[in-house]
Every structure is written in structure tokens, then in C-alpha cells.
N, C-alpha and C. Protein backbone atom coordinates (compact mmCIF):
# COMPACT_ATOMS: atom_id res chain seq x y z
N MET A 1 137.28 172.07 191.36
CA MET A 1 137.28 172.61 190.44
C MET A 1 136.05 172.56 189.73
N LYS A 2 135.38 171.81 189.48
CA LYS A 2 134.43 171.74 189.15
C LYS A 2 133.51 172.90 189.26
N LYS A 3 133.32 173.52 190.82
CA LYS A 3 132.54 174.10 191.30
C LYS A 3 133.15 175.85 190.41
N TYR A 4 134.36 175.82 190.42
CA TYR A 4 134.88 177.05 189.79
C TYR A 4 134.37 177.08 188.27
N LEU A 5 134.47 176.16 187.55
CA LEU A 5 134.21 175.99 186.15
C LEU A 5 132.61 176.44 186.17
N LEU A 6 131.98 175.94 186.79
CA LEU A 6 130.60 176.29 186.59
C LEU A 6 130.46 177.82 187.15
N ILE A 7 130.74 178.22 188.13
CA ILE A 7 130.70 179.68 188.67
C ILE A 7 130.89 180.22 187.51
N THR A 8 132.26 180.33 186.97
CA THR A 8 132.70 180.89 185.73
C THR A 8 131.82 181.28 184.70
N ALA A 9 131.00 179.72 184.39
CA ALA A 9 130.02 179.67 183.25
C ALA A 9 129.02 180.63 183.74
N LEU A 10 128.59 180.60 184.91
CA LEU A 10 127.23 181.56 185.55
C LEU A 10 127.44 182.92 185.17
N LEU A 11 128.58 183.34 185.81
CA LEU A 11 128.65 184.66 186.01
C LEU A 11 128.94 185.15 184.12
N ILE A 12 129.71 184.45 183.58
CA ILE A 12 129.71 184.78 182.25
C ILE A 12 128.46 185.16 181.52
N THR A 13 127.65 184.22 181.66
CA THR A 13 126.02 183.95 180.98
C THR A 13 125.16 185.23 181.79
N VAL A 14 125.45 185.68 183.02
CA VAL A 14 124.80 186.45 183.53
C VAL A 14 125.02 187.71 182.70
N CYS A 15 126.58 187.93 182.72
CA CYS A 15 126.98 189.46 181.98
C CYS A 15 126.23 189.27 180.98
N ILE A 16 125.72 188.61 179.94
CA ILE A 16 125.52 188.91 178.59
C ILE A 16 124.09 189.52 178.72
N SER A 17 124.06 190.30 177.70
CA SER A 17 122.81 191.23 177.60
C SER A 17 121.30 190.53 177.64
N ALA A 18 120.19 191.06 178.01
CA ALA A 18 118.74 190.46 177.71
C ALA A 18 118.71 189.88 176.48
N ARG A 19 119.55 191.49 175.14
CA ARG A 19 119.32 191.02 173.97
C ARG A 19 120.05 190.07 172.80
N ALA A 20 120.95 189.17 173.87
CA ALA A 20 121.80 188.66 173.14
C ALA A 20 120.88 187.34 172.66
N GLN A 21 121.35 187.08 171.36
CA GLN A 21 120.86 185.82 170.76
C GLN A 21 121.52 184.69 171.52
N PHE A 22 120.50 183.46 171.29
CA PHE A 22 120.61 182.61 171.99
C PHE A 22 119.95 181.28 171.02
N SER A 23 120.96 180.27 170.70
CA SER A 23 120.33 179.17 170.24
C SER A 23 120.92 177.90 170.68
N LEU A 24 120.38 176.81 170.44
CA LEU A 24 120.70 175.38 171.28
C LEU A 24 120.28 174.62 170.14
N GLY A 25 121.68 173.30 170.31
CA GLY A 25 121.66 172.30 169.21
C GLY A 25 122.20 171.21 169.96
N VAL A 26 122.00 170.14 168.55
CA VAL A 26 122.63 168.80 169.30
C VAL A 26 123.61 168.75 168.06
N LYS A 27 125.00 167.71 168.24
CA LYS A 27 125.88 167.61 168.00
C LYS A 27 126.86 165.90 167.73
N GLY A 28 127.49 165.53 166.85
CA GLY A 28 127.91 164.60 166.90
C GLY A 28 129.14 164.31 165.97
N GLY A 29 129.83 163.73 166.23
CA GLY A 29 131.18 163.74 165.19
C GLY A 29 131.98 162.65 165.50
N VAL A 30 133.10 162.37 164.87
CA VAL A 30 134.30 161.93 165.37
C VAL A 30 135.37 162.41 165.58
N ASN A 31 136.43 161.36 166.19
CA ASN A 31 138.15 162.35 166.86
C ASN A 31 138.74 161.35 166.33
N TYR A 32 140.14 161.68 166.71
CA TYR A 32 141.29 160.92 166.80
C TYR A 32 142.40 161.21 167.60
N SER A 33 142.12 160.53 168.41
CA SER A 33 142.98 160.67 169.64
C SER A 33 144.24 160.03 170.09
N THR A 34 145.39 160.27 170.95
CA THR A 34 146.34 159.78 170.88
C THR A 34 146.66 159.73 172.60
N VAL A 35 147.54 158.96 173.25
CA VAL A 35 147.83 159.43 174.49
C VAL A 35 149.13 159.10 174.88
N SER A 36 149.89 160.20 175.06
CA SER A 36 151.24 160.41 174.92
C SER A 36 152.31 159.78 176.18
N ALA A 37 152.70 158.93 176.17
CA ALA A 37 153.70 158.44 177.06
C ALA A 37 155.07 158.43 177.35
N ASP A 38 156.02 158.50 178.30
CA ASP A 38 157.34 159.03 178.30
C ASP A 38 157.85 157.91 177.44
N ASN A 39 159.02 157.88 177.05
CA ASN A 39 159.73 156.73 176.63
C ASN A 39 159.20 155.41 175.97
N LEU A 40 157.86 155.75 175.11
CA LEU A 40 157.16 154.61 174.66
C LEU A 40 156.44 155.50 173.57
N ASN A 41 156.55 154.53 172.57
CA ASN A 41 155.88 154.73 171.02
C ASN A 41 154.34 154.78 171.00
N THR A 42 153.55 155.78 170.53
CA THR A 42 152.55 156.09 170.56
C THR A 42 151.92 156.16 169.14
N SER A 43 150.53 155.57 169.17
CA SER A 43 149.64 155.86 168.11
C SER A 43 148.06 156.07 168.55
N GLY A 44 147.32 156.59 167.68
CA GLY A 44 146.15 157.10 167.98
C GLY A 44 144.71 155.95 167.47
N VAL A 45 143.91 156.41 167.87
CA VAL A 45 142.69 155.86 167.85
C VAL A 45 141.48 156.54 167.53
N ALA A 46 140.29 155.97 166.82
CA ALA A 46 139.09 156.73 166.58
C ALA A 46 138.25 156.57 167.28
N GLY A 47 137.70 157.47 167.77
CA GLY A 47 136.56 157.71 168.54
C GLY A 47 134.93 158.35 168.02
N TYR A 48 134.34 158.59 168.94
CA TYR A 48 133.17 159.55 168.38
C TYR A 48 132.70 160.49 169.45
N GLU A 49 131.45 161.26 169.35
CA GLU A 49 131.13 162.37 170.29
C GLU A 49 130.06 162.81 170.07
N ILE A 50 128.76 162.63 170.82
CA ILE A 50 127.58 162.76 170.91
C ILE A 50 126.90 163.95 171.70
N GLY A 51 126.33 164.90 171.49
CA GLY A 51 125.74 165.69 172.56
C GLY A 51 125.16 166.88 172.48
N ALA A 52 125.19 168.09 173.14
CA ALA A 52 124.52 169.26 172.96
C ALA A 52 125.04 170.62 173.40
N PHE A 53 125.01 171.73 172.87
CA PHE A 53 125.17 173.20 172.72
C PHE A 53 124.39 173.67 172.91
N ALA A 54 124.94 174.99 173.58
CA ALA A 54 123.92 176.27 173.51
C ALA A 54 125.30 177.07 173.11
N ARG A 55 124.68 178.55 172.12
CA ARG A 55 125.20 179.52 172.04
C ARG A 55 124.75 180.95 172.10
N LEU A 56 125.23 181.39 172.97
CA LEU A 56 124.57 182.76 173.65
C LEU A 56 125.61 184.04 172.83
N GLY A 57 125.03 184.77 172.22
CA GLY A 57 125.68 186.17 172.05
C GLY A 57 125.56 186.12 170.57
N GLY A 58 126.06 187.85 169.87
CA GLY A 58 126.47 187.74 168.62
C GLY A 58 127.36 187.45 167.68
N GLY A 59 127.88 188.50 167.75
CA GLY A 59 129.68 188.31 166.81
C GLY A 59 130.58 187.70 168.02
N LEU A 60 130.35 188.11 169.15
CA LEU A 60 131.67 187.41 170.16
C LEU A 60 130.44 186.67 170.92
N TYR A 61 130.65 185.30 171.18
CA TYR A 61 129.72 184.58 171.75
C TYR A 61 130.12 183.48 172.69
N LEU A 62 129.39 183.10 173.70
CA LEU A 62 129.96 182.26 174.70
C LEU A 62 128.96 180.75 174.07
N GLN A 63 129.93 179.75 174.37
CA GLN A 63 129.37 178.31 173.66
C GLN A 63 129.77 177.15 174.92
N PRO A 64 128.62 177.20 176.05
CA PRO A 64 128.97 175.89 176.85
C PRO A 64 128.32 174.25 175.96
N GLU A 65 128.92 173.50 176.45
CA GLU A 65 128.80 172.08 175.66
C GLU A 65 128.56 171.05 176.61
N LEU A 66 128.15 170.09 176.44
CA LEU A 66 128.41 168.50 177.42
C LEU A 66 127.80 167.55 176.21
N TYR A 67 128.68 167.00 176.05
CA TYR A 67 128.78 165.65 175.32
C TYR A 67 129.36 164.66 175.58
N LEU A 68 129.62 163.30 175.04
CA LEU A 68 129.80 161.99 175.53
C LEU A 68 130.58 161.67 174.27
N SER A 69 132.10 161.18 174.98
CA SER A 69 132.99 161.04 173.82
C SER A 69 134.06 159.81 174.28
N SER A 70 134.19 159.04 173.29
CA SER A 70 135.11 157.80 173.66
C SER A 70 136.71 158.44 172.97
N SER A 71 137.73 157.68 173.89
CA SER A 71 139.05 158.46 173.60
C SER A 71 140.05 157.14 173.51
N GLY A 72 141.22 157.34 173.35
CA GLY A 72 142.16 156.18 173.72
C GLY A 72 143.51 156.53 173.04
N GLY A 73 144.27 155.44 173.29
CA GLY A 73 145.72 155.49 172.37
C GLY A 73 146.29 153.86 172.75
N LYS A 74 147.07 153.80 171.87
CA LYS A 74 148.24 152.67 171.74
C LYS A 74 149.55 152.75 172.31
N PHE A 75 150.14 152.11 172.89
CA PHE A 75 151.53 152.23 173.05
C PHE A 75 152.41 150.86 172.89
N ASP A 76 153.62 151.08 172.06
CA ASP A 76 154.63 150.17 172.02
C ASP A 76 156.02 150.66 172.62
N SER A 77 156.67 149.68 173.09
CA SER A 77 158.16 149.93 173.30
C SER A 77 159.19 149.75 172.24
N SER A 78 160.36 150.52 172.28
CA SER A 78 161.24 150.54 170.77
C SER A 78 161.77 148.88 170.73
N ASP A 79 161.48 148.25 172.06
CA ASP A 79 162.14 146.72 171.48
C ASP A 79 161.34 145.91 171.59
N ASN A 80 159.80 146.22 171.57
CA ASN A 80 158.46 145.45 171.52
C ASN A 80 158.26 144.45 172.63
N SER A 81 159.25 145.11 174.02
CA SER A 81 158.97 144.42 175.00
C SER A 81 157.65 144.75 175.63
N PHE A 82 156.73 145.58 175.59
CA PHE A 82 155.64 146.08 175.90
C PHE A 82 154.54 146.77 174.97
N SER A 83 153.56 146.43 174.85
CA SER A 83 152.76 146.89 174.01
C SER A 83 151.40 146.92 174.59
N GLY A 84 150.27 147.75 174.48
CA GLY A 84 149.17 148.13 174.85
C GLY A 84 148.14 148.99 174.12
N ASN A 85 147.07 149.09 174.78
CA ASN A 85 146.20 150.06 174.08
C ASN A 85 144.97 150.35 175.48
N VAL A 86 144.57 151.56 175.57
CA VAL A 86 143.72 152.07 176.41
C VAL A 86 142.37 152.85 175.79
N HIS A 87 141.03 152.78 176.14
CA HIS A 87 140.21 153.38 175.62
C HIS A 87 139.23 154.01 177.00
N PHE A 88 139.12 155.13 176.61
CA PHE A 88 138.34 155.85 177.96
C PHE A 88 136.97 156.14 177.10
N THR A 89 135.45 156.32 177.97
CA THR A 89 134.35 156.89 177.91
C THR A 89 134.51 158.01 178.74
N ASN A 90 134.21 159.60 178.03
CA ASN A 90 134.33 160.51 178.76
C ASN A 90 133.00 161.10 178.73
N LEU A 91 132.84 162.00 179.89
CA LEU A 91 131.75 163.26 180.05
C LEU A 91 132.48 164.60 179.54
N ASN A 92 132.32 165.49 178.54
CA ASN A 92 132.91 166.70 178.28
C ASN A 92 132.48 167.79 178.80
N VAL A 93 132.75 168.73 178.94
CA VAL A 93 132.23 170.00 179.07
C VAL A 93 133.18 170.94 178.88
N PRO A 94 133.08 171.74 177.59
CA PRO A 94 133.69 172.52 177.19
C PRO A 94 133.18 173.98 177.37
N LEU A 95 133.76 175.09 177.61
CA LEU A 95 133.09 176.24 177.82
C LEU A 95 133.99 177.23 176.78
N LEU A 96 133.39 177.52 175.41
CA LEU A 96 134.36 178.49 174.74
C LEU A 96 133.48 179.48 174.32
N VAL A 97 134.91 180.35 173.98
CA VAL A 97 134.16 181.80 173.84
C VAL A 97 134.70 181.57 172.24
N GLY A 98 134.28 182.62 171.69
CA GLY A 98 134.39 182.46 170.07
C GLY A 98 133.78 183.84 169.35
N LEU A 99 134.28 183.87 167.88
CA LEU A 99 134.10 185.32 167.56
C LEU A 99 133.21 184.38 166.09
N LYS A 100 132.01 184.82 165.68
CA LYS A 100 131.46 184.58 164.50
C LYS A 100 131.72 186.02 163.37
N PHE A 101 131.71 185.68 161.86
CA PHE A 101 131.52 186.56 160.79
C PHE A 101 130.89 186.05 159.89
N GLY A 102 130.22 187.12 159.24
CA GLY A 102 129.71 186.56 157.74
C GLY A 102 128.43 187.06 157.54
N PRO A 103 127.60 186.78 156.39
CA PRO A 103 126.54 187.14 156.35
C PRO A 103 125.48 186.11 157.32
N LYS A 104 124.12 186.64 157.64
CA LYS A 104 123.60 185.79 158.71
C LYS A 104 123.39 184.12 158.39
N ASN A 105 123.11 183.46 157.13
CA ASN A 105 122.92 182.40 156.96
C ASN A 105 124.33 181.60 156.48
N LEU A 106 125.58 182.36 156.52
CA LEU A 106 126.58 181.81 156.53
C LEU A 106 127.89 182.28 157.52
N ASN A 107 127.67 181.68 158.46
CA ASN A 107 128.78 182.15 159.67
C ASN A 107 130.02 181.48 159.55
N PHE A 108 131.26 182.05 159.64
CA PHE A 108 132.39 181.71 159.90
C PHE A 108 132.97 181.64 161.53
N ARG A 109 133.19 180.64 161.99
CA ARG A 109 133.56 180.81 163.56
C ARG A 109 135.13 180.60 164.24
N ILE A 110 135.62 181.17 164.85
CA ILE A 110 136.91 180.77 165.36
C ILE A 110 136.44 180.55 166.70
N MET A 111 137.05 179.92 167.77
CA MET A 111 136.74 179.34 168.77
C MET A 111 137.85 178.93 169.80
N GLY A 112 137.71 179.22 171.22
CA GLY A 112 138.70 178.49 171.93
C GLY A 112 138.15 178.78 173.46
N GLY A 113 138.97 177.64 174.35
CA GLY A 113 138.70 177.91 175.85
C GLY A 113 138.88 176.49 176.49
N PRO A 114 138.26 176.80 177.81
CA PRO A 114 138.52 175.07 178.46
C PRO A 114 137.78 174.51 178.54
N ILE A 115 138.19 173.18 178.97
CA ILE A 115 137.58 172.00 179.13
C ILE A 115 137.38 171.10 180.22
N TYR A 116 136.67 170.59 180.66
CA TYR A 116 136.64 169.63 182.02
C TYR A 116 136.35 168.35 181.49
N THR A 117 137.25 167.16 181.48
CA THR A 117 136.65 165.83 180.81
C THR A 117 136.78 164.86 182.40
N SER A 118 135.41 164.32 182.34
CA SER A 118 135.31 163.01 183.56
C SER A 118 135.19 161.75 182.59
N VAL A 119 136.15 160.95 183.35
CA VAL A 119 136.44 159.48 182.59
C VAL A 119 135.09 158.65 183.42
N LEU A 120 134.08 158.60 182.46
CA LEU A 120 133.23 157.43 182.85
C LEU A 120 133.41 156.25 183.28
N SER A 121 134.29 155.39 182.22
CA SER A 121 134.77 154.45 182.32
C SER A 121 135.95 154.09 181.40
N GLN A 122 136.73 152.98 181.83
CA GLN A 122 137.97 152.89 180.71
C GLN A 122 138.12 151.11 180.85
N SER A 123 139.41 150.92 179.70
CA SER A 123 139.40 149.34 179.59
C SER A 123 140.96 149.58 178.61
N GLU A 124 141.52 148.62 179.46
CA GLU A 124 142.81 148.31 179.05
C GLU A 124 143.13 147.40 178.57
N SER A 125 144.27 147.09 177.74
CA SER A 125 144.83 145.65 177.30
C SER A 125 146.45 146.30 177.25
N PHE A 126 146.98 145.16 178.02
CA PHE A 126 148.56 145.23 177.48
C PHE A 126 148.95 143.82 177.77
N THR A 127 149.88 143.64 176.74
CA THR A 127 150.97 142.83 176.47
C THR A 127 151.37 141.61 178.23
N GLN A 128 151.40 140.41 178.23
CA GLN A 128 151.32 139.51 179.13
C GLN A 128 152.52 140.07 180.15
N ASN A 129 153.94 140.07 179.22
CA ASN A 129 155.22 140.68 179.90
C ASN A 129 154.67 142.42 180.90
N ALA A 130 153.84 142.75 180.37
CA ALA A 130 153.78 144.16 180.86
C ALA A 130 152.65 144.19 182.49
N ASN A 131 152.33 143.03 182.97
CA ASN A 131 151.64 143.13 183.84
C ASN A 131 151.98 143.86 185.19
N VAL A 132 153.40 143.53 185.50
CA VAL A 132 154.00 144.26 186.44
C VAL A 132 154.18 145.67 186.49
N ALA A 133 154.30 146.08 184.96
CA ALA A 133 154.24 147.48 184.67
C ALA A 133 152.89 148.16 184.52
N TYR A 134 152.05 147.43 184.23
CA TYR A 134 150.64 147.57 184.34
C TYR A 134 149.97 148.25 185.86
N ASN A 135 150.72 147.54 186.91
CA ASN A 135 150.35 148.11 188.20
C ASN A 135 150.28 149.72 188.38
N ASP A 136 151.35 150.16 187.55
CA ASP A 136 151.49 151.66 187.92
C ASP A 136 150.93 151.99 186.61
N PHE A 137 151.14 151.74 185.20
CA PHE A 137 151.06 152.32 184.41
C PHE A 137 149.65 152.66 184.02
N GLY A 138 148.69 151.72 184.28
CA GLY A 138 147.19 151.89 184.14
C GLY A 138 146.26 152.45 185.26
N LYS A 139 146.85 153.43 185.79
CA LYS A 139 146.44 154.37 187.11
C LYS A 139 146.12 155.75 186.62
N TYR A 140 144.97 155.58 186.07
CA TYR A 140 144.48 156.91 185.06
C TYR A 140 143.72 157.56 186.37
N LYS A 141 143.77 158.96 185.81
CA LYS A 141 142.92 159.84 186.79
C LYS A 141 141.31 159.94 186.60
N ASN A 142 140.81 160.26 187.31
CA ASN A 142 139.12 160.19 186.76
C ASN A 142 138.87 161.38 186.19
N SER A 143 139.49 162.26 186.13
CA SER A 143 138.77 163.82 185.36
C SER A 143 140.34 164.22 184.95
N THR A 144 140.13 165.29 183.88
CA THR A 144 141.18 166.52 183.31
C THR A 144 140.64 167.43 183.31
N ILE A 145 141.59 168.42 182.90
CA ILE A 145 141.45 170.15 182.84
C ILE A 145 142.03 170.15 181.43
N GLY A 146 141.74 170.86 180.49
CA GLY A 146 142.54 170.81 179.13
C GLY A 146 141.74 172.19 178.29
N TYR A 147 141.92 172.17 177.33
CA TYR A 147 141.90 173.55 176.35
C TYR A 147 141.41 172.64 175.08
N GLN A 148 140.54 173.72 174.37
CA GLN A 148 140.13 173.36 172.93
C GLN A 148 140.14 174.76 172.24
N ALA A 149 140.68 174.22 170.98
CA ALA A 149 140.84 175.50 169.75
C ALA A 149 140.37 175.43 168.72
N GLY A 150 139.51 175.73 167.69
CA GLY A 150 139.22 175.23 166.53
C GLY A 150 138.23 176.53 165.56
N ALA A 151 137.97 176.09 164.61
CA ALA A 151 137.09 176.89 163.75
C ALA A 151 135.88 176.07 163.03
N GLY A 152 135.06 176.99 162.59
CA GLY A 152 133.96 176.51 162.31
C GLY A 152 132.98 177.16 161.64
N VAL A 153 131.82 176.32 160.87
CA VAL A 153 130.90 177.34 159.93
C VAL A 153 129.37 176.96 160.05
N ASP A 154 128.62 177.96 159.69
CA ASP A 154 127.24 177.53 160.18
C ASP A 154 126.94 178.09 158.99
N ILE A 155 125.78 176.78 158.28
CA ILE A 155 125.10 177.31 157.08
C ILE A 155 123.67 177.05 157.32
N GLY A 156 123.09 178.46 157.75
CA GLY A 156 121.30 178.20 158.32
C GLY A 156 121.55 177.43 159.74
N SER A 157 120.91 176.50 159.61
CA SER A 157 120.60 175.46 161.30
C SER A 157 121.74 174.60 161.23
N ILE A 158 122.53 174.52 160.35
CA ILE A 158 123.73 173.46 160.01
C ILE A 158 125.08 173.94 160.50
N THR A 159 125.32 173.51 161.45
CA THR A 159 127.15 173.62 162.20
C THR A 159 128.10 172.95 162.06
N ALA A 160 129.00 173.22 161.61
CA ALA A 160 130.37 172.30 161.73
C ALA A 160 131.63 172.48 162.16
N ASP A 161 132.16 171.99 162.99
CA ASP A 161 133.56 172.37 163.62
C ASP A 161 134.60 171.50 163.28
N LEU A 162 135.81 171.89 163.27
CA LEU A 162 137.22 171.20 163.53
C LEU A 162 137.94 171.71 164.64
N ARG A 163 138.30 170.94 165.95
CA ARG A 163 138.93 171.40 166.92
C ARG A 163 139.74 170.78 167.04
N TYR A 164 140.91 171.09 167.75
CA TYR A 164 142.02 170.74 168.70
C TYR A 164 141.93 170.86 170.06
N GLU A 165 141.98 169.54 170.94
CA GLU A 165 142.06 169.57 172.13
C GLU A 165 143.26 168.96 173.05
N GLY A 166 143.77 169.41 173.95
CA GLY A 166 145.20 169.23 174.60
C GLY A 166 144.86 169.10 176.00
N ASN A 167 145.51 168.62 176.86
CA ASN A 167 145.30 168.50 178.27
C ASN A 167 146.38 169.36 178.85
N LEU A 168 145.93 170.08 180.31
CA LEU A 168 146.76 171.15 180.70
C LEU A 168 147.36 170.03 182.00
N THR A 169 146.47 169.01 182.23
CA THR A 169 147.03 167.75 183.35
C THR A 169 147.48 166.91 182.69
N ASP A 170 148.24 165.62 183.29
CA ASP A 170 148.23 164.31 183.12
C ASP A 170 147.26 163.86 183.14
N ILE A 171 147.11 162.75 182.42
CA ILE A 171 145.77 161.59 182.86
C ILE A 171 146.35 160.27 183.93
N ASN A 172 147.87 160.26 183.86
CA ASN A 172 148.79 159.48 184.60
C ASN A 172 150.35 160.27 184.66
N PRO A 173 149.95 161.15 185.99
CA PRO A 173 151.09 161.83 186.14
C PRO A 173 152.80 160.93 186.51
N ASN A 174 152.86 159.64 187.15
CA ASN A 174 153.43 158.86 186.90
C ASN A 174 154.53 158.43 185.71
N PHE A 175 153.64 158.52 184.43
CA PHE A 175 154.04 158.06 183.19
C PHE A 175 154.33 159.28 182.09
N GLY A 176 153.86 160.36 182.80
CA GLY A 176 154.10 161.86 181.93
C GLY A 176 152.52 161.47 180.62
N GLN A 177 151.41 160.68 181.07
CA GLN A 177 150.93 160.60 179.95
C GLN A 177 149.63 161.81 179.96
N ARG A 178 149.68 162.39 178.91
CA ARG A 178 148.19 163.32 178.38
C ARG A 178 148.04 162.63 177.17
N GLN A 179 146.38 163.07 177.04
CA GLN A 179 145.36 163.15 175.82
C GLN A 179 145.50 164.19 175.24
N ASN A 180 145.60 164.02 173.79
CA ASN A 180 145.12 165.05 172.76
C ASN A 180 144.31 164.44 171.79
N LEU A 181 143.85 165.56 171.15
CA LEU A 181 142.78 164.68 170.22
C LEU A 181 142.42 165.90 169.25
N TRP A 182 142.04 165.31 168.00
CA TRP A 182 141.48 166.43 166.69
C TRP A 182 140.11 165.70 166.48
N ALA A 183 139.06 166.83 166.57
CA ALA A 183 137.78 166.41 166.70
C ALA A 183 136.67 167.06 165.49
N LEU A 184 135.75 166.53 165.01
CA LEU A 184 135.28 166.97 163.35
C LEU A 184 134.05 166.64 164.08
N SER A 185 132.86 167.38 164.12
CA SER A 185 131.62 167.48 164.37
C SER A 185 130.77 168.26 163.36
N ILE A 186 129.26 167.59 163.45
CA ILE A 186 128.09 167.98 162.28
C ILE A 186 127.15 168.05 163.70
N GLY A 187 126.61 169.46 163.50
CA GLY A 187 125.60 169.92 164.40
C GLY A 187 124.21 170.44 163.68
N PHE A 188 123.37 170.46 164.75
CA PHE A 188 121.78 171.33 164.19
C PHE A 188 121.06 172.32 165.12
N LYS A 189 121.26 173.44 165.01
CA LYS A 189 120.55 174.50 165.59
C LYS A 189 119.15 174.31 165.61
N ILE A 190 118.40 173.98 166.83
CA ILE A 190 117.11 173.55 167.51
C ILE A 190 116.37 174.84 167.56
N PHE A 191 116.91 175.68 167.50
CA PHE A 191 116.35 177.16 167.71
C PHE A 191 117.33 178.23 168.06
């Protein structure tokens, strides 16, 4: 799947004309994520994201990114017999297509596209009476495919985005666990 995502990104990049605008920047921000689970109450946790982006094109643009993030969620059973939480450190590779409009120094943007997430590390904490369930519950995949959609604004070299991210694949198919998050980031276009 990684190969197909990289090949697609390369083909789209090649198709953009030589006169296309190009910018490169850094970004950082916060997120609020949850991991849904069948038959359990879930709540979210706050996390971070930090990385880089490139933007190719004019009004219609392609924006590949690479960033490190943290995410996770908390779980409780309705009878309080089971509770726990999980935290992930991820490497994220979204490939967004967007549309920007407005004057040169004040652009408004909408964007969306696929995201590949690789789990670099994870930590779990479950109540003592959940040790038996943990053997299956804590078996998370090393990577997922999802989507991002959102809006942003550019004021000169400063850029800000608000995005929703959903997963197309379960992070743990045995329990129907999917991770979703909201992210708010601020960036700076280097050139």
C-alpha cells in the first residue's frame, strides 16, 4: 500500500506544470483523538503534531506532508468492570488536494485526501481485571489508511489549518476499533 501511495504522489507531482507555484514549510499543532470500540464508552485525549509540508500549484494545489503526532483514547465499560487507555506515536503521510481563493496575501483554503499512518510506538494501561481481555484488545495494527478533510487560511507566510481525520481501516479489527481526530495546526512557509 505504501508503494501505491508514493507512486500516486509522484504521478500527480509530475503532472503539475513547470510554471506551478511551490512552497515548503514547517507546521505544528494540537489534536484531540478518540479510539472507538464496540460495546465500550470512549473518550478522547489531547495530542500534538509537528512536521513539514510542501504545496504545489496555484488555485488548485497538491499538498504532501510528513509529520510526527501523538494520539489515543480512553475506554470504560458501562458496568465499570473494564477501563483503560492507549497512546500512540505516529508518523503521518497525508496527500491532500485543495482549492485556495482570495487575494495573494490572504488565501482561504479547503482540502481533503488520503492519509497513511504508521504507528511508531504505543503504550497501553488497562485495569487489573482486564488482563485477559487485553491479550486481544491491545493487538493494534502497525499502520492504517484514512482520510483528512478541512479548511485553512494563509496570511502572508503564516498558515493555519483545522482538519478532521477518520480511518478507513480498523486499528484493531477484533473489537471494531477506529481512531478519529480533530487537529488544529499553525505553520510557516519557508519559501
